[in-house]
PDB file of N, CA and C in Angstrom:
ATOM      1  N   UNK A   1      18.806  -5.629  13.222  1.00  0.00           N
ATOM      2  CA  UNK A   1      17.883  -7.322  13.827  1.00  0.00           C
ATOM      3  C   UNK A   1      18.341  -8.018  13.867  1.00  0.00           C
ATOM      4  N   UNK A   2      17.703  -8.591  15.645  1.00  0.00           N
ATOM      5  CA  UNK A   2      18.009  -9.520  16.296  1.00  0.00           C
ATOM      6  C   UNK A   2      17.260 -10.270  14.606  1.00  0.00           C
ATOM      7  N   UNK A   3      18.379 -11.909  14.414  1.00  0.00           N
ATOM      8  CA  UNK A   3      17.142 -13.036  13.371  1.00  0.00           C
ATOM      9  C   UNK A   3      15.825 -13.594  14.632  1.00  0.00           C
ATOM     10  N   UNK A   4      15.915 -13.844  15.928  1.00  0.00           N
ATOM     11  CA  UNK A   4      14.511 -14.021  16.231  1.00  0.00           C
ATOM     12  C   UNK A   4      13.387 -13.402  15.943  1.00  0.00           C
ATOM     13  N   UNK A   5      13.898 -11.941  15.567  1.00  0.00           N
ATOM     14  CA  UNK A   5      13.217 -10.782  15.300  1.00  0.00           C
ATOM     15  C   UNK A   5      12.704 -10.620  13.668  1.00  0.00           C
ATOM     16  N   UNK A   6      13.880 -11.109  13.259  1.00  0.00           N
ATOM     17  CA  UNK A   6      13.276 -10.965  11.455  1.00  0.00           C
ATOM     18  C   UNK A   6      12.058 -12.030  11.802  1.00  0.00           C
ATOM     19  N   UNK A   7      12.573 -13.172  12.316  1.00  0.00           N
ATOM     20  CA  UNK A   7      11.966 -14.462  11.717  1.00  0.00           C
ATOM     21  C   UNK A   7      10.410 -14.185  11.846  1.00  0.00           C
ATOM     22  N   UNK A   8      10.237 -12.965  13.422  1.00  0.00           N
ATOM     23  CA  UNK A   8       8.673 -13.294  13.556  1.00  0.00           C
ATOM     24  C   UNK A   8       8.082 -12.397  13.141  1.00  0.00           C
ATOM     25  N   UNK A   9       9.279 -11.567  12.337  1.00  0.00           N
ATOM     26  CA  UNK A   9       8.186 -10.397  11.480  1.00  0.00           C
ATOM     27  C   UNK A   9       7.970 -10.926  10.307  1.00  0.00           C
ATOM     28  N   UNK A  10       8.547 -11.890   9.475  1.00  0.00           N
ATOM     29  CA  UNK A  10       8.333 -12.866   8.588  1.00  0.00           C
ATOM     30  C   UNK A  10       7.556 -14.101   8.670  1.00  0.00           C
ATOM     31  N   UNK A  11       7.014 -14.832   9.573  1.00  0.00           N
ATOM     32  CA  UNK A  11       5.737 -15.298   9.407  1.00  0.00           C
ATOM     33  C   UNK A  11       4.365 -13.982  10.549  1.00  0.00           C
ATOM     34  N   UNK A  12       4.929 -13.065  10.217  1.00  0.00           N
ATOM     35  CA  UNK A  12       3.774 -12.124  10.603  1.00  0.00           C
ATOM     36  C   UNK A  12       3.468 -11.340   8.938  1.00  0.00           C
ATOM     37  N   UNK A  13       4.117 -11.187   8.225  1.00  0.00           N
ATOM     38  CA  UNK A  13       3.842 -11.338   7.396  1.00  0.00           C
ATOM     39  C   UNK A  13       3.371 -12.350   5.794  1.00  0.00           C
ATOM     40  N   UNK A  14       3.810 -13.105   6.619  1.00  0.00           N
ATOM     41  CA  UNK A  14       2.508 -14.487   5.825  1.00  0.00           C
ATOM     42  C   UNK A  14       1.742 -14.819   6.161  1.00  0.00           C
ATOM     43  N   UNK A  15       1.643 -13.952   7.744  1.00  0.00           N
ATOM     44  CA  UNK A  15      -0.450 -14.829   8.326  1.00  0.00           C
ATOM     45  C   UNK A  15      -1.010 -13.601   6.617  1.00  0.00           C
ATOM     46  N   UNK A  16      -0.571 -12.556   7.226  1.00  0.00           N
ATOM     47  CA  UNK A  16      -1.188 -11.402   6.097  1.00  0.00           C
ATOM     48  C   UNK A  16      -1.265 -11.467   5.024  1.00  0.00           C
ATOM     49  N   UNK A  17      -0.235 -12.623   4.270  1.00  0.00           N
ATOM     50  CA  UNK A  17      -0.936 -13.088   3.459  1.00  0.00           C
ATOM     51  C   UNK A  17      -1.452 -14.115   3.463  1.00  0.00           C
ATOM     52  N   UNK A  18      -1.588 -15.041   3.710  1.00  0.00           N
ATOM     53  CA  UNK A  18      -2.093 -16.329   4.047  1.00  0.00           C
ATOM     54  C   UNK A  18      -4.194 -15.768   3.295  1.00  0.00           C
ATOM     55  N   UNK A  19      -4.419 -15.555   3.179  1.00  0.00           N
ATOM     56  CA  UNK A  19      -5.920 -15.459   3.858  1.00  0.00           C
ATOM     57  C   UNK A  19      -5.630 -14.892   1.307  1.00  0.00           C
ATOM     58  N   UNK A  20      -5.755 -14.882   1.207  1.00  0.00           N
ATOM     59  CA  UNK A  20      -5.431 -14.516  -0.073  1.00  0.00           C
ATOM     60  C   UNK A  20      -5.277 -16.046  -0.508  1.00  0.00           C
ATOM     61  N   UNK A  21      -4.215 -16.000   0.008  1.00  0.00           N
ATOM     62  CA  UNK A  21      -4.158 -17.776  -0.795  1.00  0.00           C
ATOM     63  C   UNK A  21      -4.428 -18.792  -0.760  1.00  0.00           C
ATOM     64  N   UNK A  22      -5.688 -18.098   0.898  1.00  0.00           N
ATOM     65  CA  UNK A  22      -6.213 -19.947   1.080  1.00  0.00           C
ATOM     66  C   UNK A  22      -7.498 -19.807   0.068  1.00  0.00           C
ATOM     67  N   UNK A  23      -8.175 -18.411   0.221  1.00  0.00           N
ATOM     68  CA  UNK A  23      -9.213 -17.958  -1.007  1.00  0.00           C
ATOM     69  C   UNK A  23      -9.601 -18.623  -2.104  1.00  0.00           C
ATOM     70  N   UNK A  24      -8.238 -19.519  -2.874  1.00  0.00           N
ATOM     71  CA  UNK A  24      -7.456 -19.843  -3.521  1.00  0.00           C
ATOM     72  C   UNK A  24      -7.493 -21.391  -3.450  1.00  0.00           C
ATOM     73  N   UNK A  25      -7.837 -21.807  -2.426  1.00  0.00           N
ATOM     74  CA  UNK A  25      -7.758 -23.267  -1.992  1.00  0.00           C
ATOM     75  C   UNK A  25      -5.859 -23.678  -1.332  1.00  0.00           C
ATOM     76  N   UNK A  26      -4.521 -22.922  -1.865  1.00  0.00           N
ATOM     77  CA  UNK A  26      -3.825 -23.199  -1.494  1.00  0.00           C
ATOM     78  C   UNK A  26      -3.354 -22.503   0.329  1.00  0.00           C
ATOM     79  N   UNK A  27      -2.326 -23.069   0.270  1.00  0.00           N
ATOM     80  CA  UNK A  27      -1.952 -22.004   1.519  1.00  0.00           C
ATOM     81  C   UNK A  27      -0.010 -22.372   1.273  1.00  0.00           C
ATOM     82  N   UNK A  28       0.137 -21.480   2.400  1.00  0.00           N
ATOM     83  CA  UNK A  28       2.024 -20.928   2.808  1.00  0.00           C
ATOM     84  C   UNK A  28       2.665 -21.144   3.051  1.00  0.00           C
ATOM     85  N   UNK A  29       3.562 -21.827   3.528  1.00  0.00           N
ATOM     86  CA  UNK A  29       3.951 -22.491   4.608  1.00  0.00           C
ATOM     87  C   UNK A  29       5.038 -21.610   5.498  1.00  0.00           C
ATOM     88  N   UNK A  30       5.485 -20.882   6.198  1.00  0.00           N
ATOM     89  CA  UNK A  30       7.228 -21.034   6.304  1.00  0.00           C
ATOM     90  C   UNK A  30       8.187 -21.636   7.137  1.00  0.00           C
ATOM     91  N   UNK A  31       9.263 -21.837   5.938  1.00  0.00           N
ATOM     92  CA  UNK A  31      10.317 -23.212   5.965  1.00  0.00           C
ATOM     93  C   UNK A  31      11.637 -22.719   7.430  1.00  0.00           C
ATOM     94  N   UNK A  32      12.186 -21.831   6.520  1.00  0.00           N
ATOM     95  CA  UNK A  32      12.968 -21.147   7.242  1.00  0.00           C
ATOM     96  C   UNK A  32      13.591 -20.403   6.428  1.00  0.00           C
ATOM     97  N   UNK A  33      14.446 -19.126   7.559  1.00  0.00           N
ATOM     98  CA  UNK A  33      15.231 -18.176   6.412  1.00  0.00           C
ATOM     99  C   UNK A  33      16.631 -18.537   7.352  1.00  0.00           C
ATOM    100  N   UNK A  34      17.493 -18.203   5.930  1.00  0.00           N
ATOM    101  CA  UNK A  34      18.908 -18.611   5.706  1.00  0.00           C
ATOM    102  C   UNK A  34      19.598 -17.857   4.843  1.00  0.00           C
ATOM    103  N   UNK A  35      20.650 -16.703   5.484  1.00  0.00           N
ATOM    104  CA  UNK A  35      21.776 -16.125   4.999  1.00  0.00           C
ATOM    105  C   UNK A  35      20.743 -14.684   3.227  1.00  0.00           C
ATOM    106  N   UNK A  36      19.534 -14.402   4.955  1.00  0.00           N
ATOM    107  CA  UNK A  36      18.565 -13.212   4.505  1.00  0.00           C
ATOM    108  C   UNK A  36      17.206 -14.015   2.943  1.00  0.00           C
ATOM    109  N   UNK A  37      17.309 -15.088   2.813  1.00  0.00           N
ATOM    110  CA  UNK A  37      16.716 -15.833   2.233  1.00  0.00           C
ATOM    111  C   UNK A  37      15.310 -16.461   2.474  1.00  0.00           C
ATOM    112  N   UNK A  38      14.133 -16.000   2.969  1.00  0.00           N
ATOM    113  CA  UNK A  38      13.166 -16.578   3.321  1.00  0.00           C
ATOM    114  C   UNK A  38      12.690 -17.998   2.483  1.00  0.00           C
ATOM    115  N   UNK A  39      12.852 -19.178   2.650  1.00  0.00           N
ATOM    116  CA  UNK A  39      12.233 -20.409   2.516  1.00  0.00           C
ATOM    117  C   UNK A  39      10.631 -20.291   2.672  1.00  0.00           C
ATOM    118  N   UNK A  40       9.788 -20.643   1.837  1.00  0.00           N
ATOM    119  CA  UNK A  40       8.318 -20.698   2.199  1.00  0.00           C
ATOM    120  C   UNK A  40       7.768 -22.049   1.395  1.00  0.00           C
ATOM    121  N   UNK A  41       7.166 -23.033   1.283  1.00  0.00           N
ATOM    122  CA  UNK A  41       5.840 -23.693   0.812  1.00  0.00           C
ATOM    123  C   UNK A  41       4.623 -23.565   0.361  1.00  0.00           C
ATOM    124  N   UNK A  42       4.003 -24.249  -0.833  1.00  0.00           N
ATOM    125  CA  UNK A  42       2.469 -23.884  -0.761  1.00  0.00           C
ATOM    126  C   UNK A  42       2.489 -24.562  -0.906  1.00  0.00           C
ATOM    127  N   UNK A  43       1.264 -25.937  -0.452  1.00  0.00           N
ATOM    128  CA  UNK A  43       0.647 -26.567  -0.158  1.00  0.00           C
ATOM    129  C   UNK A  43      -1.330 -26.139  -0.605  1.00  0.00           C
ATOM    130  N   UNK A  44      -1.981 -27.155  -1.263  1.00  0.00           N
ATOM    131  CA  UNK A  44      -3.282 -27.797  -1.562  1.00  0.00           C
ATOM    132  C   UNK A  44      -3.324 -27.136  -2.781  1.00  0.00           C
ATOM    133  N   UNK A  45      -4.400 -26.220  -3.498  1.00  0.00           N
ATOM    134  CA  UNK A  45      -4.025 -25.761  -4.957  1.00  0.00           C
ATOM    135  C   UNK A  45      -3.512 -25.027  -5.304  1.00  0.00           C
ATOM    136  N   UNK A  46      -2.646 -24.535  -4.979  1.00  0.00           N
ATOM    137  CA  UNK A  46      -0.899 -23.740  -5.425  1.00  0.00           C
ATOM    138  C   UNK A  46      -0.396 -24.298  -5.968  1.00  0.00           C
ATOM    139  N   UNK A  47      -0.355 -26.185  -5.866  1.00  0.00           N
ATOM    140  CA  UNK A  47       0.605 -26.916  -5.920  1.00  0.00           C
ATOM    141  C   UNK A  47       0.320 -27.886  -8.230  1.00  0.00           C
ATOM    142  N   UNK A  48       1.000 -26.786  -8.516  1.00  0.00           N
ATOM    143  CA  UNK A  48       1.052 -26.975 -10.162  1.00  0.00           C
ATOM    144  C   UNK A  48      -0.260 -26.094 -10.639  1.00  0.00           C
ATOM    145  N   UNK A  49      -0.166 -24.759  -9.886  1.00  0.00           N
ATOM    146  CA  UNK A  49      -1.271 -24.155  -9.959  1.00  0.00           C
ATOM    147  C   UNK A  49      -0.412 -23.176 -11.202  1.00  0.00           C
ATOM    148  N   UNK A  50      -1.147 -22.470 -12.127  1.00  0.00           N
ATOM    149  CA  UNK A  50      -0.386 -22.413 -13.211  1.00  0.00           C
ATOM    150  C   UNK A  50       0.257 -20.665 -12.554  1.00  0.00           C
ATOM    151  N   UNK A  51      -0.523 -19.987 -11.810  1.00  0.00           N
ATOM    152  CA  UNK A  51      -0.768 -18.842 -10.461  1.00  0.00           C
ATOM    153  C   UNK A  51       0.589 -19.136 -10.533  1.00  0.00           C
ATOM    154  N   UNK A  52       1.747 -19.856  -9.362  1.00  0.00           N
ATOM    155  CA  UNK A  52       2.919 -19.690  -8.281  1.00  0.00           C
ATOM    156  C   UNK A  52       3.476 -18.873  -8.615  1.00  0.00           C
ATOM    157  N   UNK A  53       3.773 -19.325  -9.491  1.00  0.00           N
ATOM    158  CA  UNK A  53       4.484 -18.386  -9.801  1.00  0.00           C
ATOM    159  C   UNK A  53       4.687 -16.303  -9.868  1.00  0.00           C
ATOM    160  N   UNK A  54       3.947 -15.937 -10.110  1.00  0.00           N
ATOM    161  CA  UNK A  54       3.226 -15.103  -9.933  1.00  0.00           C
ATOM    162  C   UNK A  54       2.851 -14.380  -8.595  1.00  0.00           C
ATOM    163  N   UNK A  55       2.247 -15.833  -8.513  1.00  0.00           N
ATOM    164  CA  UNK A  55       1.530 -15.648  -6.608  1.00  0.00           C
ATOM    165  C   UNK A  55       3.461 -15.361  -5.416  1.00  0.00           C
ATOM    166  N   UNK A  56       4.391 -15.727  -5.765  1.00  0.00           N
ATOM    167  CA  UNK A  56       5.380 -16.182  -5.036  1.00  0.00           C
ATOM    168  C   UNK A  56       5.952 -14.776  -5.872  1.00  0.00           C
ATOM    169  N   UNK A  57       5.529 -14.358  -6.977  1.00  0.00           N
ATOM    170  CA  UNK A  57       6.986 -13.492  -7.477  1.00  0.00           C
ATOM    171  C   UNK A  57       6.439 -12.145  -6.804  1.00  0.00           C
ATOM    172  N   UNK A  58       4.839 -11.582  -7.229  1.00  0.00           N
ATOM    173  CA  UNK A  58       4.808 -10.733  -7.228  1.00  0.00           C
ATOM    174  C   UNK A  58       3.357 -10.014  -6.199  1.00  0.00           C
ATOM    175  N   UNK A  59       3.431 -11.755  -4.771  1.00  0.00           N
ATOM    176  CA  UNK A  59       2.885 -11.305  -3.935  1.00  0.00           C
ATOM    177  C   UNK A  59       3.644 -11.806  -2.498  1.00  0.00           C
ATOM    178  N   UNK A  60       4.302 -13.413  -2.352  1.00  0.00           N
ATOM    179  CA  UNK A  60       4.991 -13.121  -1.244  1.00  0.00           C
ATOM    180  C   UNK A  60       5.841 -12.052  -1.198  1.00  0.00           C
ATOM    181  N   UNK A  61       6.878 -12.542  -1.804  1.00  0.00           N
ATOM    182  CA  UNK A  61       8.671 -11.683  -2.670  1.00  0.00           C
ATOM    183  C   UNK A  61       8.851 -10.525  -2.527  1.00  0.00           C
ATOM    184  N   UNK A  62       7.715  -9.827  -3.421  1.00  0.00           N
ATOM    185  CA  UNK A  62       7.589  -8.605  -3.599  1.00  0.00           C
ATOM    186  C   UNK A  62       7.045  -7.605  -2.156  1.00  0.00           C
ATOM    187  N   UNK A  63       5.766  -8.901  -1.014  1.00  0.00           N
ATOM    188  CA  UNK A  63       5.506  -7.723   0.701  1.00  0.00           C
ATOM    189  C   UNK A  63       6.580  -8.327   1.220  1.00  0.00           C
ATOM    190  N   UNK A  64       7.238  -9.718   1.278  1.00  0.00           N
ATOM    191  CA  UNK A  64       8.762  -9.986   2.391  1.00  0.00           C
ATOM    192  C   UNK A  64       9.161  -8.458   1.861  1.00  0.00           C
ATOM    193  N   UNK A  65      10.200  -8.697   1.454  1.00  0.00           N
ATOM    194  CA  UNK A  65      10.989  -7.618   0.927  1.00  0.00           C
ATOM    195  C   UNK A  65      10.858  -6.323   1.074  1.00  0.00           C
ATOM    196  N   UNK A  66       9.358  -5.645   1.446  1.00  0.00           N
ATOM    197  CA  UNK A  66       9.692  -3.915   1.087  1.00  0.00           C
ATOM    198  C   UNK A  66       8.935  -4.344   3.120  1.00  0.00           C
ATOM    199  N   UNK A  67       8.102  -5.180   3.983  1.00  0.00           N
ATOM    200  CA  UNK A  67       7.679  -5.163   4.871  1.00  0.00           C
ATOM    201  C   UNK A  67       9.159  -5.878   6.410  1.00  0.00           C
ATOM    202  N   UNK A  68       9.529  -6.306   5.616  1.00  0.00           N
ATOM    203  CA  UNK A  68      11.138  -7.152   5.857  1.00  0.00           C
ATOM    204  C   UNK A  68      12.060  -6.952   5.757  1.00  0.00           C
ATOM    205  N   UNK A  69      13.065  -6.173   7.042  1.00  0.00           N
ATOM    206  CA  UNK A  69      15.154  -5.403   7.088  1.00  0.00           C
ATOM    207  C   UNK A  69      15.375  -6.909   7.463  1.00  0.00           C
ATOM    208  N   UNK A  70      16.134  -7.058   6.239  1.00  0.00           N
ATOM    209  CA  UNK A  70      17.123  -8.191   6.407  1.00  0.00           C
ATOM    210  C   UNK A  70      17.018  -9.314   5.034  1.00  0.00           C
ATOM    211  N   UNK A  71      15.561  -9.198   4.469  1.00  0.00           N
ATOM    212  CA  UNK A  71      15.355 -10.112   3.845  1.00  0.00           C
ATOM    213  C   UNK A  71      15.529  -9.308   2.440  1.00  0.00           C
ATOM    214  N   UNK A  72      16.103 -11.025   1.514  1.00  0.00           N
ATOM    215  CA  UNK A  72      16.967 -10.148   0.298  1.00  0.00           C
ATOM    216  C   UNK A  72      15.916 -10.726  -0.889  1.00  0.00           C
ATOM    217  N   UNK A  73      15.357 -11.878  -0.283  1.00  0.00           N
ATOM    218  CA  UNK A  73      14.537 -12.617  -1.745  1.00  0.00           C
ATOM    219  C   UNK A  73      14.209 -13.782  -1.111  1.00  0.00           C
ATOM    220  N   UNK A  74      13.082 -14.391  -1.915  1.00  0.00           N
ATOM    221  CA  UNK A  74      12.086 -15.824  -1.287  1.00  0.00           C
ATOM    222  C   UNK A  74      12.819 -16.573  -2.624  1.00  0.00           C
ATOM    223  N   UNK A  75      12.577 -18.045  -1.986  1.00  0.00           N
ATOM    224  CA  UNK A  75      13.204 -19.359  -2.869  1.00  0.00           C
ATOM    225  C   UNK A  75      11.895 -20.505  -2.117  1.00  0.00           C
ATOM    226  N   UNK A  76      11.247 -20.763  -3.113  1.00  0.00           N
ATOM    227  CA  UNK A  76      10.511 -21.474  -2.737  1.00  0.00           C
ATOM    228  C   UNK A  76      10.957 -23.711  -2.942  1.00  0.00           C
ATOM    229  N   UNK A  77      10.379 -24.169  -1.636  1.00  0.00           N
ATOM    230  CA  UNK A  77      10.626 -25.505  -2.102  1.00  0.00           C
ATOM    231  C   UNK A  77       9.543 -26.231  -1.700  1.00  0.00           C
ATOM    232  N   UNK A  78       9.763 -27.560  -2.887  1.00  0.00           N
ATOM    233  CA  UNK A  78       9.394 -28.562  -2.752  1.00  0.00           C
ATOM    234  C   UNK A  78       9.565 -29.804  -1.703  1.00  0.00           C
TER     235      UNK A  78
END
């Protein structure tokens, strides 16, 4: 799969996830994709939220790993 196609699929998945994060007053932004790792930034109510790690691992990372071939992990950019 081409790099540009992977990025488009990552962005599509983030758009699917976004409403769940928005409903609690937060947001998620795609930053970059490098060496199989997706870098994202949380904002709004997500910043400092006790559930941020759970959201990152259980929702964002699991969904991206499942739906986008080539993604091997997700990292948070502060």
